């Protein structure tokens, strides 16, 4: 059996998400890691297990993962739909790998910013999205991600913690549809000019040093 841990905080798409998990090619136990805005009456009808509301998506996700006993865990979000063979492919990979990240994230609807959405699709091959990670529960515990301080930053999730501790291998066959661009992408876009301005002098200096070394090598 594989357990899908779905984090929700009142998303209207929760029904479609759980429906996609109910129609997988293998049996899936669906548990809900609820937040302060979750419609508890609704999710209790849809899920096999509902965990009490917690403030902070990372804390809610970790709480649900720790509460389950299945070895195979698929991390999901209520605003994402999963292809019918998503969980089966995840389990196939997890028989030999500790972690595998979904390699193909598609927009659930026409994105408002196509360029930013395409950037996120490409980036998803390099960085972990919490709603597209499958894991062995034992491997997750071994990494110690559950011991991170989620209280000090309620918006933090398990993705960066995992990325710092292990290498995630993508599987492009695992497909899900979500809201693109995400809120994080808009924040990154907003601060990108400032980040680029801060990095530019060092990049130019490094280029000049490299060019100088190259010219000196040729003169020798």
N, C-alpha and C. Protein backbone atom coordinates (compact mmCIF):
# COMPACT_ATOMS: atom_id res chain seq x y z
N UNK A 1 0.85 -1.20 0.00
CA UNK A 1 0.00 0.00 0.00
C UNK A 1 0.88 1.25 0.00
N UNK A 2 0.46 2.25 -0.73
CA UNK A 2 1.14 3.54 -0.74
C UNK A 2 0.21 4.59 -0.13
N UNK A 3 0.77 5.51 0.63
CA UNK A 3 0.00 6.57 1.26
C UNK A 3 0.27 7.89 0.57
N UNK A 4 -0.79 8.59 0.19
CA UNK A 4 -0.68 9.92 -0.37
C UNK A 4 -1.00 10.92 0.73
N UNK A 5 -0.03 11.74 1.10
CA UNK A 5 -0.21 12.77 2.12
C UNK A 5 -0.53 14.07 1.40
N UNK A 6 -1.76 14.53 1.52
CA UNK A 6 -2.23 15.70 0.80
C UNK A 6 -2.40 16.87 1.77
N UNK A 7 -1.66 17.94 1.55
CA UNK A 7 -1.77 19.13 2.39
C UNK A 7 -2.85 20.04 1.84
N UNK A 8 -3.74 20.50 2.70
CA UNK A 8 -4.83 21.37 2.26
C UNK A 8 -5.04 22.50 3.26
N UNK A 9 -5.37 23.68 2.72
CA UNK A 9 -5.77 24.78 3.58
C UNK A 9 -6.93 25.53 2.93
N UNK A 10 -7.96 24.76 2.59
CA UNK A 10 -9.16 25.36 2.04
C UNK A 10 -9.17 25.55 0.54
N UNK A 11 -8.33 24.84 -0.18
CA UNK A 11 -8.31 24.96 -1.64
C UNK A 11 -9.60 24.41 -2.24
N UNK A 12 -10.22 25.13 -3.18
CA UNK A 12 -11.46 24.63 -3.80
C UNK A 12 -11.25 23.41 -4.69
N UNK A 13 -9.99 23.13 -5.06
CA UNK A 13 -9.69 22.00 -5.95
C UNK A 13 -9.42 20.71 -5.20
N UNK A 14 -9.63 20.68 -3.89
CA UNK A 14 -9.32 19.49 -3.10
C UNK A 14 -10.06 18.26 -3.61
N UNK A 15 -11.30 18.42 -4.06
CA UNK A 15 -12.07 17.28 -4.56
C UNK A 15 -11.45 16.66 -5.78
N UNK A 16 -11.00 17.49 -6.73
CA UNK A 16 -10.37 16.98 -7.95
C UNK A 16 -9.05 16.29 -7.63
N UNK A 17 -8.31 16.84 -6.68
CA UNK A 17 -7.04 16.24 -6.28
C UNK A 17 -7.25 14.83 -5.74
N UNK A 18 -8.16 14.71 -4.78
CA UNK A 18 -8.40 13.41 -4.16
C UNK A 18 -9.01 12.44 -5.16
N UNK A 19 -9.85 12.93 -6.05
CA UNK A 19 -10.42 12.07 -7.09
C UNK A 19 -9.32 11.48 -7.96
N UNK A 20 -8.31 12.28 -8.28
CA UNK A 20 -7.20 11.76 -9.10
C UNK A 20 -6.39 10.71 -8.34
N UNK A 21 -6.33 10.84 -7.02
CA UNK A 21 -5.61 9.85 -6.21
C UNK A 21 -6.44 8.59 -6.01
N UNK A 22 -7.76 8.72 -6.07
CA UNK A 22 -8.64 7.55 -5.94
C UNK A 22 -8.65 6.71 -7.22
N UNK A 23 -8.27 7.31 -8.34
CA UNK A 23 -8.31 6.60 -9.61
C UNK A 23 -6.90 6.26 -10.10
N UNK A 24 -6.04 5.86 -9.18
CA UNK A 24 -4.70 5.40 -9.53
C UNK A 24 -4.73 3.93 -9.94
N UNK A 25 -3.69 3.49 -10.61
CA UNK A 25 -3.61 2.10 -11.06
C UNK A 25 -3.27 1.14 -9.93
N UNK A 26 -2.94 1.65 -8.77
CA UNK A 26 -2.72 0.83 -7.58
C UNK A 26 -3.52 1.44 -6.43
N UNK A 27 -3.85 0.64 -5.40
CA UNK A 27 -4.58 1.19 -4.26
C UNK A 27 -3.77 2.25 -3.53
N UNK A 28 -4.42 3.34 -3.16
CA UNK A 28 -3.76 4.46 -2.48
C UNK A 28 -4.57 4.85 -1.24
N UNK A 29 -3.89 4.95 -0.12
CA UNK A 29 -4.51 5.46 1.10
C UNK A 29 -4.33 6.97 1.12
N UNK A 30 -5.41 7.72 1.15
CA UNK A 30 -5.36 9.17 1.07
C UNK A 30 -5.55 9.77 2.46
N UNK A 31 -4.55 10.50 2.92
CA UNK A 31 -4.64 11.18 4.22
C UNK A 31 -4.51 12.68 3.99
N UNK A 32 -5.22 13.45 4.79
CA UNK A 32 -5.25 14.90 4.64
C UNK A 32 -4.52 15.55 5.80
N UNK A 33 -3.51 16.35 5.47
CA UNK A 33 -2.83 17.19 6.46
C UNK A 33 -3.51 18.55 6.40
N UNK A 34 -4.43 18.81 7.30
CA UNK A 34 -5.28 20.00 7.19
C UNK A 34 -4.64 21.24 7.81
N UNK A 35 -5.12 22.39 7.32
CA UNK A 35 -4.68 23.67 7.84
C UNK A 35 -5.85 24.42 8.45
N UNK A 36 -5.64 25.65 8.92
CA UNK A 36 -6.69 26.41 9.60
C UNK A 36 -7.92 26.67 8.74
N UNK A 37 -7.78 26.71 7.41
CA UNK A 37 -8.90 27.02 6.53
C UNK A 37 -9.54 25.79 5.89
N UNK A 38 -9.09 24.61 6.25
CA UNK A 38 -9.62 23.38 5.65
C UNK A 38 -11.08 23.16 6.05
N UNK A 39 -11.88 22.74 5.07
CA UNK A 39 -13.26 22.34 5.33
C UNK A 39 -13.23 20.92 5.88
N UNK A 40 -13.21 20.78 7.19
CA UNK A 40 -13.02 19.48 7.81
C UNK A 40 -14.16 18.50 7.49
N UNK A 41 -15.38 18.99 7.42
CA UNK A 41 -16.51 18.11 7.10
C UNK A 41 -16.34 17.52 5.71
N UNK A 42 -15.87 18.32 4.77
CA UNK A 42 -15.67 17.85 3.40
C UNK A 42 -14.55 16.84 3.33
N UNK A 43 -13.38 17.16 3.89
CA UNK A 43 -12.23 16.27 3.74
C UNK A 43 -12.42 14.95 4.50
N UNK A 44 -13.22 14.97 5.56
CA UNK A 44 -13.49 13.72 6.27
C UNK A 44 -14.29 12.76 5.42
N UNK A 45 -15.08 13.30 4.50
CA UNK A 45 -15.84 12.46 3.57
C UNK A 45 -14.95 11.94 2.44
N UNK A 46 -13.92 12.70 2.11
CA UNK A 46 -13.08 12.36 0.96
C UNK A 46 -11.86 11.52 1.32
N UNK A 47 -11.29 11.74 2.49
CA UNK A 47 -10.03 11.09 2.86
C UNK A 47 -10.21 9.87 3.74
N UNK A 48 -9.16 9.05 3.82
CA UNK A 48 -9.17 7.89 4.70
C UNK A 48 -8.78 8.29 6.12
N UNK A 49 -8.02 9.38 6.24
CA UNK A 49 -7.57 9.87 7.54
C UNK A 49 -7.38 11.37 7.44
N UNK A 50 -7.83 12.10 8.43
CA UNK A 50 -7.68 13.55 8.45
C UNK A 50 -6.96 13.94 9.73
N UNK A 51 -5.83 14.64 9.57
CA UNK A 51 -5.08 15.08 10.73
C UNK A 51 -5.55 16.47 11.16
N UNK A 52 -5.56 16.75 12.47
CA UNK A 52 -6.06 18.04 12.98
C UNK A 52 -5.31 19.21 12.36
N UNK A 53 -5.99 20.34 12.20
CA UNK A 53 -5.37 21.52 11.57
C UNK A 53 -4.12 21.99 12.31
N UNK A 54 -3.10 22.32 11.53
CA UNK A 54 -1.87 22.88 12.07
C UNK A 54 -1.50 24.12 11.26
N UNK A 55 -0.93 25.11 11.93
CA UNK A 55 -0.46 26.30 11.25
C UNK A 55 0.91 26.03 10.66
N UNK A 56 1.03 26.15 9.34
CA UNK A 56 2.31 25.89 8.68
C UNK A 56 2.24 24.65 7.82
N UNK A 57 2.49 24.79 6.51
CA UNK A 57 2.34 23.65 5.60
C UNK A 57 3.38 22.58 5.87
N UNK A 58 4.61 22.98 6.18
CA UNK A 58 5.65 21.99 6.45
C UNK A 58 5.34 21.19 7.70
N UNK A 59 4.91 21.88 8.73
CA UNK A 59 4.59 21.21 9.99
C UNK A 59 3.42 20.24 9.80
N UNK A 60 2.41 20.67 9.04
CA UNK A 60 1.26 19.80 8.78
C UNK A 60 1.67 18.57 7.98
N UNK A 61 2.53 18.76 6.98
CA UNK A 61 2.96 17.64 6.14
C UNK A 61 3.79 16.65 6.96
N UNK A 62 4.72 17.17 7.74
CA UNK A 62 5.56 16.30 8.57
C UNK A 62 4.72 15.52 9.58
N UNK A 63 3.76 16.19 10.19
CA UNK A 63 2.90 15.55 11.18
C UNK A 63 2.17 14.35 10.58
N UNK A 64 1.67 14.52 9.36
CA UNK A 64 0.96 13.43 8.69
C UNK A 64 1.90 12.29 8.30
N UNK A 65 3.08 12.64 7.80
CA UNK A 65 4.06 11.60 7.43
C UNK A 65 4.45 10.78 8.65
N UNK A 66 4.69 11.45 9.77
CA UNK A 66 5.07 10.74 10.99
C UNK A 66 3.92 9.88 11.52
N UNK A 67 2.69 10.28 11.23
CA UNK A 67 1.55 9.53 11.73
C UNK A 67 1.21 8.29 10.92
N UNK A 68 1.80 8.16 9.72
CA UNK A 68 1.51 7.01 8.87
C UNK A 68 2.60 5.95 9.00
N UNK A 69 2.26 4.73 8.61
CA UNK A 69 3.20 3.61 8.77
C UNK A 69 3.58 2.95 7.45
N UNK A 70 2.92 3.31 6.37
CA UNK A 70 3.29 2.74 5.07
C UNK A 70 4.69 3.20 4.69
N UNK A 71 5.46 2.33 4.06
CA UNK A 71 6.83 2.66 3.68
C UNK A 71 6.87 3.63 2.50
N UNK A 72 5.90 3.51 1.59
CA UNK A 72 5.89 4.36 0.41
C UNK A 72 4.97 5.56 0.63
N UNK A 73 5.52 6.77 0.55
CA UNK A 73 4.77 8.00 0.78
C UNK A 73 4.84 8.87 -0.47
N UNK A 74 3.69 9.35 -0.92
CA UNK A 74 3.63 10.30 -2.02
C UNK A 74 3.14 11.63 -1.45
N UNK A 75 3.96 12.66 -1.59
CA UNK A 75 3.63 13.96 -1.04
C UNK A 75 2.82 14.77 -2.06
N UNK A 76 1.65 15.25 -1.64
CA UNK A 76 0.72 15.90 -2.57
C UNK A 76 0.21 17.22 -1.98
N UNK A 77 -0.40 18.04 -2.85
CA UNK A 77 -1.08 19.26 -2.43
C UNK A 77 -2.48 19.27 -3.03
N UNK A 78 -3.39 19.96 -2.35
CA UNK A 78 -4.79 19.93 -2.75
C UNK A 78 -5.07 20.69 -4.04
N UNK A 79 -4.12 21.51 -4.52
CA UNK A 79 -4.35 22.23 -5.77
C UNK A 79 -3.66 21.55 -6.95
N UNK A 80 -3.34 20.26 -6.81
CA UNK A 80 -2.64 19.51 -7.85
C UNK A 80 -3.39 18.22 -8.17
N UNK A 81 -3.45 17.87 -9.46
CA UNK A 81 -4.04 16.60 -9.90
C UNK A 81 -2.92 15.68 -10.40
N UNK A 82 -3.10 14.38 -10.18
CA UNK A 82 -2.05 13.41 -10.47
C UNK A 82 -2.50 12.41 -11.53
N UNK A 83 -1.60 12.17 -12.48
CA UNK A 83 -1.90 11.21 -13.55
C UNK A 83 -2.20 9.83 -12.97
N UNK A 84 -3.00 9.04 -13.68
CA UNK A 84 -3.48 7.77 -13.15
C UNK A 84 -2.42 6.77 -12.74
N UNK A 85 -1.24 6.81 -13.37
CA UNK A 85 -0.18 5.86 -13.02
C UNK A 85 0.92 6.51 -12.18
N UNK A 86 0.65 7.71 -11.68
CA UNK A 86 1.66 8.47 -10.91
C UNK A 86 2.19 7.66 -9.72
N UNK A 87 1.29 7.13 -8.90
CA UNK A 87 1.71 6.43 -7.68
C UNK A 87 2.38 5.09 -8.01
N UNK A 88 1.90 4.42 -9.05
CA UNK A 88 2.52 3.14 -9.43
C UNK A 88 3.95 3.36 -9.88
N UNK A 89 4.18 4.39 -10.69
CA UNK A 89 5.54 4.70 -11.15
C UNK A 89 6.43 5.10 -9.98
N UNK A 90 5.86 5.85 -9.03
CA UNK A 90 6.62 6.25 -7.85
C UNK A 90 7.09 5.03 -7.06
N UNK A 91 6.20 4.08 -6.85
CA UNK A 91 6.54 2.87 -6.10
C UNK A 91 7.60 2.06 -6.84
N UNK A 92 7.47 1.97 -8.17
CA UNK A 92 8.48 1.26 -8.95
C UNK A 92 9.86 1.87 -8.73
N UNK A 93 9.94 3.19 -8.75
CA UNK A 93 11.22 3.86 -8.54
C UNK A 93 11.72 3.67 -7.11
N UNK A 94 10.80 3.74 -6.16
CA UNK A 94 11.20 3.68 -4.76
C UNK A 94 11.66 2.30 -4.32
N UNK A 95 11.42 1.30 -5.13
CA UNK A 95 11.95 -0.02 -4.81
C UNK A 95 13.46 -0.05 -4.91
N UNK A 96 14.02 0.90 -5.66
CA UNK A 96 15.49 0.96 -5.79
C UNK A 96 16.06 2.29 -5.33
N UNK A 97 15.22 3.33 -5.20
CA UNK A 97 15.69 4.66 -4.82
C UNK A 97 15.04 5.10 -3.52
N UNK A 98 15.75 5.94 -2.76
CA UNK A 98 15.17 6.47 -1.54
C UNK A 98 14.16 7.57 -1.82
N UNK A 99 14.46 8.41 -2.81
CA UNK A 99 13.58 9.50 -3.17
C UNK A 99 13.47 9.57 -4.69
N UNK A 100 12.37 10.04 -5.18
CA UNK A 100 12.27 10.36 -6.60
C UNK A 100 11.33 11.55 -6.75
N UNK A 101 11.72 12.53 -7.53
CA UNK A 101 10.90 13.71 -7.75
C UNK A 101 10.18 13.59 -9.07
N UNK A 102 8.91 13.98 -9.10
CA UNK A 102 8.18 13.97 -10.35
C UNK A 102 8.87 14.88 -11.35
N UNK A 103 9.08 14.38 -12.54
CA UNK A 103 9.84 15.15 -13.51
C UNK A 103 9.01 15.99 -14.44
N UNK A 104 7.70 15.86 -14.44
CA UNK A 104 6.88 16.60 -15.40
C UNK A 104 5.72 17.27 -14.68
N UNK A 105 5.85 18.57 -14.48
CA UNK A 105 4.79 19.37 -13.86
C UNK A 105 4.17 20.24 -14.93
N UNK A 106 2.87 20.12 -15.13
CA UNK A 106 2.16 20.86 -16.17
C UNK A 106 1.14 21.81 -15.54
N UNK A 107 0.84 22.92 -16.22
CA UNK A 107 -0.18 23.84 -15.68
C UNK A 107 -1.57 23.23 -15.78
N UNK A 108 -2.36 23.40 -14.75
CA UNK A 108 -3.72 22.86 -14.74
C UNK A 108 -4.65 23.69 -15.61
N UNK A 109 -4.29 24.93 -15.88
CA UNK A 109 -5.08 25.80 -16.73
C UNK A 109 -4.15 26.78 -17.42
N UNK A 110 -4.68 27.58 -18.33
CA UNK A 110 -3.86 28.54 -19.05
C UNK A 110 -3.18 29.50 -18.06
N UNK A 111 -1.84 29.49 -18.01
CA UNK A 111 -1.16 30.33 -17.02
C UNK A 111 -1.26 31.81 -17.38
N UNK A 112 -1.32 32.64 -16.34
CA UNK A 112 -1.38 34.09 -16.55
C UNK A 112 -0.05 34.64 -17.04
N UNK A 113 1.03 33.99 -16.69
CA UNK A 113 2.37 34.39 -17.13
C UNK A 113 3.04 33.15 -17.72
N UNK A 114 2.93 33.01 -19.04
CA UNK A 114 3.40 31.79 -19.71
C UNK A 114 4.90 31.60 -19.52
N UNK A 115 5.65 32.68 -19.64
CA UNK A 115 7.10 32.58 -19.50
C UNK A 115 7.52 32.10 -18.13
N UNK A 116 6.88 32.62 -17.11
CA UNK A 116 7.21 32.23 -15.74
C UNK A 116 6.79 30.78 -15.49
N UNK A 117 5.66 30.37 -16.07
CA UNK A 117 5.20 28.99 -15.92
C UNK A 117 6.17 28.02 -16.58
N UNK A 118 6.65 28.37 -17.77
CA UNK A 118 7.63 27.51 -18.46
C UNK A 118 8.93 27.42 -17.67
N UNK A 119 9.34 28.55 -17.07
CA UNK A 119 10.54 28.55 -16.24
C UNK A 119 10.40 27.58 -15.09
N UNK A 120 9.24 27.58 -14.44
CA UNK A 120 9.01 26.67 -13.32
C UNK A 120 9.02 25.21 -13.76
N UNK A 121 8.48 24.94 -14.94
CA UNK A 121 8.48 23.56 -15.44
C UNK A 121 9.91 23.08 -15.62
N UNK A 122 10.76 23.93 -16.17
CA UNK A 122 12.17 23.57 -16.36
C UNK A 122 12.86 23.43 -15.01
N UNK A 123 12.58 24.38 -14.11
CA UNK A 123 13.22 24.36 -12.79
C UNK A 123 12.83 23.12 -11.99
N UNK A 124 11.63 22.59 -12.24
CA UNK A 124 11.15 21.44 -11.47
C UNK A 124 12.04 20.21 -11.65
N UNK A 125 12.85 20.20 -12.72
CA UNK A 125 13.80 19.09 -12.90
C UNK A 125 14.99 19.24 -11.97
N UNK A 126 15.21 20.44 -11.45
CA UNK A 126 16.40 20.71 -10.64
C UNK A 126 16.08 20.86 -9.15
N UNK A 127 14.95 21.44 -8.84
CA UNK A 127 14.60 21.69 -7.45
C UNK A 127 13.34 20.98 -7.04
N UNK A 128 13.24 20.60 -5.77
CA UNK A 128 12.09 19.81 -5.32
C UNK A 128 10.84 20.65 -5.07
N UNK A 129 9.73 20.21 -5.57
CA UNK A 129 8.44 20.76 -5.21
C UNK A 129 7.78 19.75 -4.27
N UNK A 130 7.33 20.23 -3.13
CA UNK A 130 6.83 19.32 -2.10
C UNK A 130 5.66 18.48 -2.56
N UNK A 131 4.88 19.00 -3.49
CA UNK A 131 3.71 18.26 -3.96
C UNK A 131 4.06 17.25 -5.04
N UNK A 132 5.34 17.12 -5.36
CA UNK A 132 5.77 16.18 -6.40
C UNK A 132 6.96 15.35 -5.95
N UNK A 133 6.96 14.95 -4.69
CA UNK A 133 8.04 14.12 -4.16
C UNK A 133 7.46 12.80 -3.65
N UNK A 134 8.05 11.73 -4.06
CA UNK A 134 7.71 10.41 -3.50
C UNK A 134 8.90 9.95 -2.68
N UNK A 135 8.64 9.24 -1.59
CA UNK A 135 9.73 8.89 -0.69
C UNK A 135 9.46 7.59 0.06
N UNK A 136 10.54 6.97 0.48
CA UNK A 136 10.43 5.92 1.49
C UNK A 136 10.36 6.60 2.85
N UNK A 137 9.41 6.21 3.65
CA UNK A 137 9.26 6.84 4.96
C UNK A 137 10.55 6.71 5.78
N UNK A 138 11.18 5.54 5.72
CA UNK A 138 12.41 5.31 6.48
C UNK A 138 13.53 6.24 6.01
N UNK A 139 13.60 6.50 4.70
CA UNK A 139 14.63 7.39 4.17
C UNK A 139 14.37 8.83 4.61
N UNK A 140 13.11 9.23 4.63
CA UNK A 140 12.73 10.57 5.08
C UNK A 140 13.16 10.78 6.53
N UNK A 141 12.87 9.79 7.37
CA UNK A 141 13.26 9.89 8.78
C UNK A 141 14.77 9.91 8.93
N UNK A 142 15.44 9.14 8.09
CA UNK A 142 16.90 9.08 8.15
C UNK A 142 17.56 10.41 7.82
N UNK A 143 16.92 11.19 6.95
CA UNK A 143 17.47 12.50 6.60
C UNK A 143 17.27 13.54 7.70
N UNK A 144 16.33 13.29 8.59
CA UNK A 144 16.09 14.21 9.70
C UNK A 144 15.35 15.48 9.32
N UNK A 145 14.67 15.46 8.17
CA UNK A 145 13.94 16.65 7.73
C UNK A 145 12.80 17.00 8.69
N UNK A 146 12.27 15.99 9.34
CA UNK A 146 11.15 16.21 10.27
C UNK A 146 11.57 16.97 11.52
N UNK A 147 12.88 17.10 11.74
CA UNK A 147 13.35 17.81 12.93
C UNK A 147 13.66 19.29 12.67
N UNK A 148 13.36 19.75 11.47
CA UNK A 148 13.58 21.17 11.15
C UNK A 148 12.63 22.05 11.96
N UNK A 149 13.01 23.32 12.13
CA UNK A 149 12.20 24.26 12.90
C UNK A 149 11.15 24.90 11.98
N UNK A 150 9.99 24.26 11.89
CA UNK A 150 8.93 24.78 11.04
C UNK A 150 8.12 25.88 11.72
N UNK A 151 8.22 25.99 13.03
CA UNK A 151 7.46 27.00 13.75
C UNK A 151 7.96 28.42 13.45
N UNK A 152 9.26 28.58 13.27
CA UNK A 152 9.81 29.91 13.05
C UNK A 152 9.49 30.44 11.66
N UNK A 153 9.17 29.54 10.73
CA UNK A 153 8.82 29.96 9.37
C UNK A 153 7.67 29.07 8.88
N UNK A 154 6.42 29.44 9.17
CA UNK A 154 5.27 28.60 8.84
C UNK A 154 5.12 28.30 7.35
N UNK A 155 5.68 29.15 6.47
CA UNK A 155 5.54 28.91 5.04
C UNK A 155 6.56 27.91 4.51
N UNK A 156 7.55 27.55 5.31
CA UNK A 156 8.56 26.60 4.85
C UNK A 156 7.97 25.20 4.77
N UNK A 157 8.43 24.43 3.78
CA UNK A 157 7.96 23.06 3.60
C UNK A 157 9.16 22.14 3.59
N UNK A 158 8.97 20.88 3.24
CA UNK A 158 10.05 19.90 3.36
C UNK A 158 11.03 19.92 2.19
N UNK A 159 10.68 20.61 1.09
CA UNK A 159 11.47 20.54 -0.13
C UNK A 159 12.92 20.95 0.03
N UNK A 160 13.16 22.17 0.54
CA UNK A 160 14.53 22.65 0.68
C UNK A 160 15.32 21.80 1.67
N UNK A 161 14.65 21.33 2.72
CA UNK A 161 15.32 20.46 3.68
C UNK A 161 15.81 19.18 3.05
N UNK A 162 14.99 18.61 2.17
CA UNK A 162 15.39 17.39 1.47
C UNK A 162 16.52 17.68 0.50
N UNK A 163 16.42 18.80 -0.24
CA UNK A 163 17.43 19.15 -1.24
C UNK A 163 18.81 19.33 -0.61
N UNK A 164 18.84 19.83 0.61
CA UNK A 164 20.13 20.04 1.28
C UNK A 164 20.77 18.73 1.73
N UNK A 165 19.99 17.69 1.79
CA UNK A 165 20.48 16.44 2.39
C UNK A 165 20.66 15.29 1.41
N UNK A 166 20.07 15.39 0.22
CA UNK A 166 20.18 14.27 -0.71
C UNK A 166 19.98 14.75 -2.13
N UNK A 167 20.24 13.89 -3.10
CA UNK A 167 20.03 14.20 -4.51
C UNK A 167 18.71 13.58 -4.95
N UNK A 168 17.85 14.40 -5.54
CA UNK A 168 16.56 13.92 -6.01
C UNK A 168 16.66 13.58 -7.50
N UNK A 169 16.31 12.36 -7.86
CA UNK A 169 16.35 11.95 -9.25
C UNK A 169 14.97 12.11 -9.88
N UNK A 170 14.87 12.84 -11.00
CA UNK A 170 13.56 13.06 -11.62
C UNK A 170 13.09 11.85 -12.42
N UNK A 171 11.79 11.67 -12.50
CA UNK A 171 11.18 10.66 -13.35
C UNK A 171 10.15 11.37 -14.22
N UNK A 172 10.49 11.65 -15.50
CA UNK A 172 9.59 12.41 -16.37
C UNK A 172 8.27 11.70 -16.65
N UNK A 173 8.19 10.41 -16.33
CA UNK A 173 6.94 9.69 -16.57
C UNK A 173 5.87 10.05 -15.55
N UNK A 174 6.30 10.54 -14.41
CA UNK A 174 5.36 10.93 -13.36
C UNK A 174 4.85 12.34 -13.67
N UNK A 175 3.58 12.45 -13.97
CA UNK A 175 3.01 13.70 -14.44
C UNK A 175 1.93 14.20 -13.47
N UNK A 176 1.98 15.49 -13.16
CA UNK A 176 0.91 16.10 -12.38
C UNK A 176 0.61 17.48 -12.94
N UNK A 177 -0.59 17.95 -12.65
CA UNK A 177 -1.04 19.26 -13.14
C UNK A 177 -1.31 20.15 -11.94
N UNK A 178 -0.76 21.35 -11.96
CA UNK A 178 -0.91 22.24 -10.81
C UNK A 178 -1.06 23.69 -11.26
N UNK A 179 -1.18 24.59 -10.29
CA UNK A 179 -1.33 26.00 -10.58
C UNK A 179 0.04 26.60 -10.87
N UNK A 180 0.23 27.01 -12.10
CA UNK A 180 1.48 27.64 -12.52
C UNK A 180 1.18 28.99 -13.17
N UNK A 181 1.99 30.00 -12.85
CA UNK A 181 3.12 30.01 -11.92
C UNK A 181 2.63 29.96 -10.47
N UNK A 182 3.48 29.48 -9.59
CA UNK A 182 3.15 29.43 -8.18
C UNK A 182 3.43 30.79 -7.53
N UNK A 183 2.98 30.95 -6.31
CA UNK A 183 3.22 32.19 -5.57
C UNK A 183 4.72 32.42 -5.39
N UNK A 184 5.45 31.33 -5.17
CA UNK A 184 6.91 31.45 -4.98
C UNK A 184 7.59 32.00 -6.23
N UNK A 185 7.07 31.62 -7.40
CA UNK A 185 7.67 32.10 -8.65
C UNK A 185 7.48 33.60 -8.79
N UNK A 186 6.31 34.10 -8.40
CA UNK A 186 6.06 35.54 -8.48
C UNK A 186 6.98 36.31 -7.52
N UNK A 187 7.21 35.73 -6.34
CA UNK A 187 8.10 36.37 -5.37
C UNK A 187 9.52 36.41 -5.93
N UNK A 188 9.96 35.30 -6.53
CA UNK A 188 11.29 35.24 -7.12
C UNK A 188 11.43 36.26 -8.24
N UNK A 189 10.38 36.38 -9.06
CA UNK A 189 10.39 37.35 -10.17
C UNK A 189 10.50 38.77 -9.65
N UNK A 190 9.80 39.05 -8.55
CA UNK A 190 9.80 40.40 -7.97
C UNK A 190 11.18 40.80 -7.49
N UNK A 191 11.90 39.84 -6.88
CA UNK A 191 13.20 40.15 -6.30
C UNK A 191 14.37 39.84 -7.23
N UNK A 192 14.08 39.30 -8.43
CA UNK A 192 15.15 38.92 -9.34
C UNK A 192 16.05 40.08 -9.73
N UNK A 193 15.49 41.27 -10.06
CA UNK A 193 16.38 42.39 -10.42
C UNK A 193 17.36 42.74 -9.30
N UNK A 194 16.89 42.72 -8.05
CA UNK A 194 17.77 43.04 -6.93
C UNK A 194 18.85 41.97 -6.77
N UNK A 195 18.45 40.70 -6.94
CA UNK A 195 19.41 39.60 -6.83
C UNK A 195 20.45 39.70 -7.94
N UNK A 196 19.97 39.97 -9.17
CA UNK A 196 20.88 40.07 -10.32
C UNK A 196 21.85 41.23 -10.13
N UNK A 197 21.34 42.36 -9.61
CA UNK A 197 22.21 43.53 -9.39
C UNK A 197 23.27 43.24 -8.35
N UNK A 198 22.92 42.45 -7.32
CA UNK A 198 23.88 42.12 -6.26
C UNK A 198 24.95 41.15 -6.76
N UNK A 199 24.55 40.25 -7.64
CA UNK A 199 25.47 39.22 -8.12
C UNK A 199 26.33 39.72 -9.28
N UNK A 200 25.81 40.66 -10.07
CA UNK A 200 26.49 41.11 -11.29
C UNK A 200 27.94 41.56 -11.07
N UNK A 201 28.24 42.42 -10.07
CA UNK A 201 29.63 42.85 -9.88
C UNK A 201 30.60 41.69 -9.67
N UNK A 202 30.16 40.69 -8.90
CA UNK A 202 31.03 39.55 -8.65
C UNK A 202 31.22 38.71 -9.91
N UNK A 203 30.15 38.61 -10.71
CA UNK A 203 30.25 37.86 -11.96
C UNK A 203 31.20 38.56 -12.93
N UNK A 204 31.09 39.89 -13.00
CA UNK A 204 31.97 40.66 -13.89
C UNK A 204 33.42 40.56 -13.42
N UNK A 205 33.63 40.72 -12.11
CA UNK A 205 34.97 40.62 -11.55
C UNK A 205 35.58 39.25 -11.81
N UNK A 206 34.76 38.20 -11.62
CA UNK A 206 35.25 36.85 -11.89
C UNK A 206 35.61 36.66 -13.34
N UNK A 207 34.80 37.24 -14.24
CA UNK A 207 35.09 37.15 -15.67
C UNK A 207 36.38 37.86 -16.03
N UNK A 208 36.59 39.04 -15.45
CA UNK A 208 37.80 39.80 -15.73
C UNK A 208 39.05 39.07 -15.23
N UNK A 209 38.94 38.49 -14.03
CA UNK A 209 40.07 37.72 -13.48
C UNK A 209 40.38 36.53 -14.37
N UNK A 210 39.33 35.84 -14.82
CA UNK A 210 39.53 34.69 -15.69
C UNK A 210 40.15 35.09 -17.01
N UNK A 211 39.69 36.22 -17.58
CA UNK A 211 40.25 36.70 -18.85
C UNK A 211 41.71 37.09 -18.68
N UNK A 212 42.03 37.74 -17.55
CA UNK A 212 43.41 38.13 -17.29
C UNK A 212 44.32 36.92 -17.17
N UNK A 213 43.84 35.87 -16.48
CA UNK A 213 44.64 34.65 -16.34
C UNK A 213 44.86 34.00 -17.70
N UNK A 214 43.80 34.03 -18.54
CA UNK A 214 43.91 33.43 -19.88
C UNK A 214 44.94 34.17 -20.72
N UNK A 215 44.92 35.51 -20.67
CA UNK A 215 45.88 36.31 -21.45
C UNK A 215 47.31 36.10 -20.95
N UNK A 216 47.47 36.02 -19.63
CA UNK A 216 48.81 35.80 -19.06
C UNK A 216 49.35 34.44 -19.46
N UNK A 217 48.45 33.43 -19.53
CA UNK A 217 48.87 32.08 -19.91
C UNK A 217 49.35 32.08 -21.36
N UNK A 218 48.66 32.81 -22.22
CA UNK A 218 49.04 32.87 -23.65
C UNK A 218 50.38 33.57 -23.83
N UNK A 219 50.64 34.60 -22.99
CA UNK A 219 51.89 35.36 -23.11
C UNK A 219 53.12 34.58 -22.63
N UNK A 220 52.88 33.59 -21.79
CA UNK A 220 54.00 32.81 -21.24
C UNK A 220 54.52 31.93 -22.29
